[in-house]
Amino acid sequence: MFLARLNPKSGSFNIDLRLQRHFTTVALSLPANVVLYTIYGQILQGNFSNFDQGSKDMVDKIIIATCSVFNSITKDPQFKPNALKFHY
């Protein structure tokens, strides 16, 4: 996989069509909490299957804490993506 972007401050802002045909724009929306709980739940339940019951009971708490941190980061205005900080 290759990633390319334009410099927002210098150079030409037009892309040659012969070059542009090699790239695809992909935009993803943030997943809903139900989707995150399902994905992380399946992964952690599989990984914790050989642990004792006390550790298995922590799976739901780990998922809730992870989703809480994820949601607080995505809603924080400090981490909103822009042209200079697109990687957030």
Protein backbone atom coordinates (compact mmCIF):
# COMPACT_ATOMS: atom_id res chain seq x y z
CA MET A 1 0.00 0.00 0.00
CA PHE A 2 1.27 3.45 -0.86
CA LEU A 3 0.14 6.78 0.50
CA ALA A 4 0.64 10.15 -1.16
CA ARG A 5 -0.47 13.69 -0.43
CA LEU A 6 0.13 17.20 -1.69
CA ASN A 7 2.07 19.89 0.11
CA PRO A 8 -0.55 22.50 1.13
CA LYS A 9 1.94 25.40 1.07
CA SER A 10 3.98 25.08 -2.09
CA GLY A 11 4.08 23.59 -5.54
CA SER A 12 1.32 23.08 -8.04
CA PHE A 13 -2.15 22.31 -6.74
CA ASN A 14 -3.13 20.46 -9.92
CA ILE A 15 -2.41 16.78 -10.41
CA ASP A 16 -1.73 15.44 -13.86
CA LEU A 17 -4.55 13.06 -14.85
CA ARG A 18 -2.07 10.39 -15.93
CA LEU A 19 -0.66 10.35 -12.40
CA GLN A 20 -4.02 10.76 -10.68
CA ARG A 21 -5.45 7.58 -12.22
CA HIS A 22 -3.07 5.50 -10.07
CA PHE A 23 -4.61 6.72 -6.80
CA THR A 24 -7.90 6.08 -5.04
CA THR A 25 -9.52 8.23 -2.40
CA VAL A 26 -10.69 6.28 0.63
CA ALA A 27 -12.81 7.90 3.32
CA LEU A 28 -13.90 6.01 6.42
CA SER A 29 -16.37 7.07 9.07
CA LEU A 30 -15.89 6.35 12.74
CA PRO A 31 -17.48 3.07 13.84
CA ALA A 32 -20.40 3.10 16.25
CA ASN A 33 -19.88 1.92 19.83
CA VAL A 34 -21.85 -1.27 19.15
CA VAL A 35 -19.43 -2.15 16.35
CA LEU A 36 -16.40 -1.44 18.54
CA TYR A 37 -17.81 -3.56 21.39
CA THR A 38 -18.47 -6.44 18.98
CA ILE A 39 -15.03 -6.33 17.36
CA TYR A 40 -13.05 -5.95 20.58
CA GLY A 41 -15.30 -8.43 22.39
CA GLN A 42 -14.69 -11.18 19.86
CA ILE A 43 -10.94 -10.61 19.87
CA LEU A 44 -10.53 -10.40 23.64
CA GLN A 45 -12.85 -13.32 24.41
CA GLY A 46 -10.78 -15.47 22.07
CA ASN A 47 -7.51 -14.31 23.60
CA PHE A 48 -8.76 -14.73 27.17
CA SER A 49 -10.29 -18.19 26.60
CA ASN A 50 -7.38 -19.99 28.31
CA PHE A 51 -7.32 -17.66 31.35
CA ASP A 52 -9.11 -18.14 34.67
CA GLN A 53 -12.65 -16.85 35.24
CA GLY A 54 -11.45 -13.72 37.08
CA SER A 55 -9.50 -12.63 34.01
CA LYS A 56 -12.39 -13.46 31.68
CA ASP A 57 -14.66 -11.20 33.75
CA MET A 58 -12.35 -8.27 33.02
CA VAL A 59 -13.00 -8.43 29.24
CA ASP A 60 -16.11 -6.23 29.38
CA LYS A 61 -14.38 -3.67 31.60
CA ILE A 62 -11.38 -3.51 29.25
CA ILE A 63 -13.66 -2.98 26.25
CA ILE A 64 -15.64 -0.23 28.00
CA ALA A 65 -12.42 1.54 29.06
CA THR A 66 -10.91 1.26 25.56
CA CYS A 67 -14.04 2.63 23.88
CA SER A 68 -14.23 5.44 26.44
CA VAL A 69 -10.67 6.52 25.70
CA PHE A 70 -11.25 6.21 21.95
CA ASN A 71 -14.40 8.34 22.09
CA SER A 72 -12.80 11.01 24.26
CA ILE A 73 -9.88 11.30 21.82
CA THR A 74 -12.10 11.48 18.72
CA LYS A 75 -14.26 14.22 20.26
CA ASP A 76 -11.33 16.31 21.53
CA PRO A 77 -10.87 19.41 19.32
CA GLN A 78 -7.10 19.20 19.84
CA PHE A 79 -6.98 16.04 17.72
CA LYS A 80 -9.20 17.11 14.82
CA PRO A 81 -7.49 16.38 11.49
CA ASN A 82 -6.47 19.26 9.27
CA ALA A 83 -4.12 19.73 6.32
CA LEU A 84 -1.02 19.86 8.51
CA LYS A 85 -2.06 17.15 11.01
CA PHE A 86 -3.99 14.72 8.83
CA HIS A 87 -2.61 11.67 10.65
CA TYR A 88 -4.78 12.03 13.78
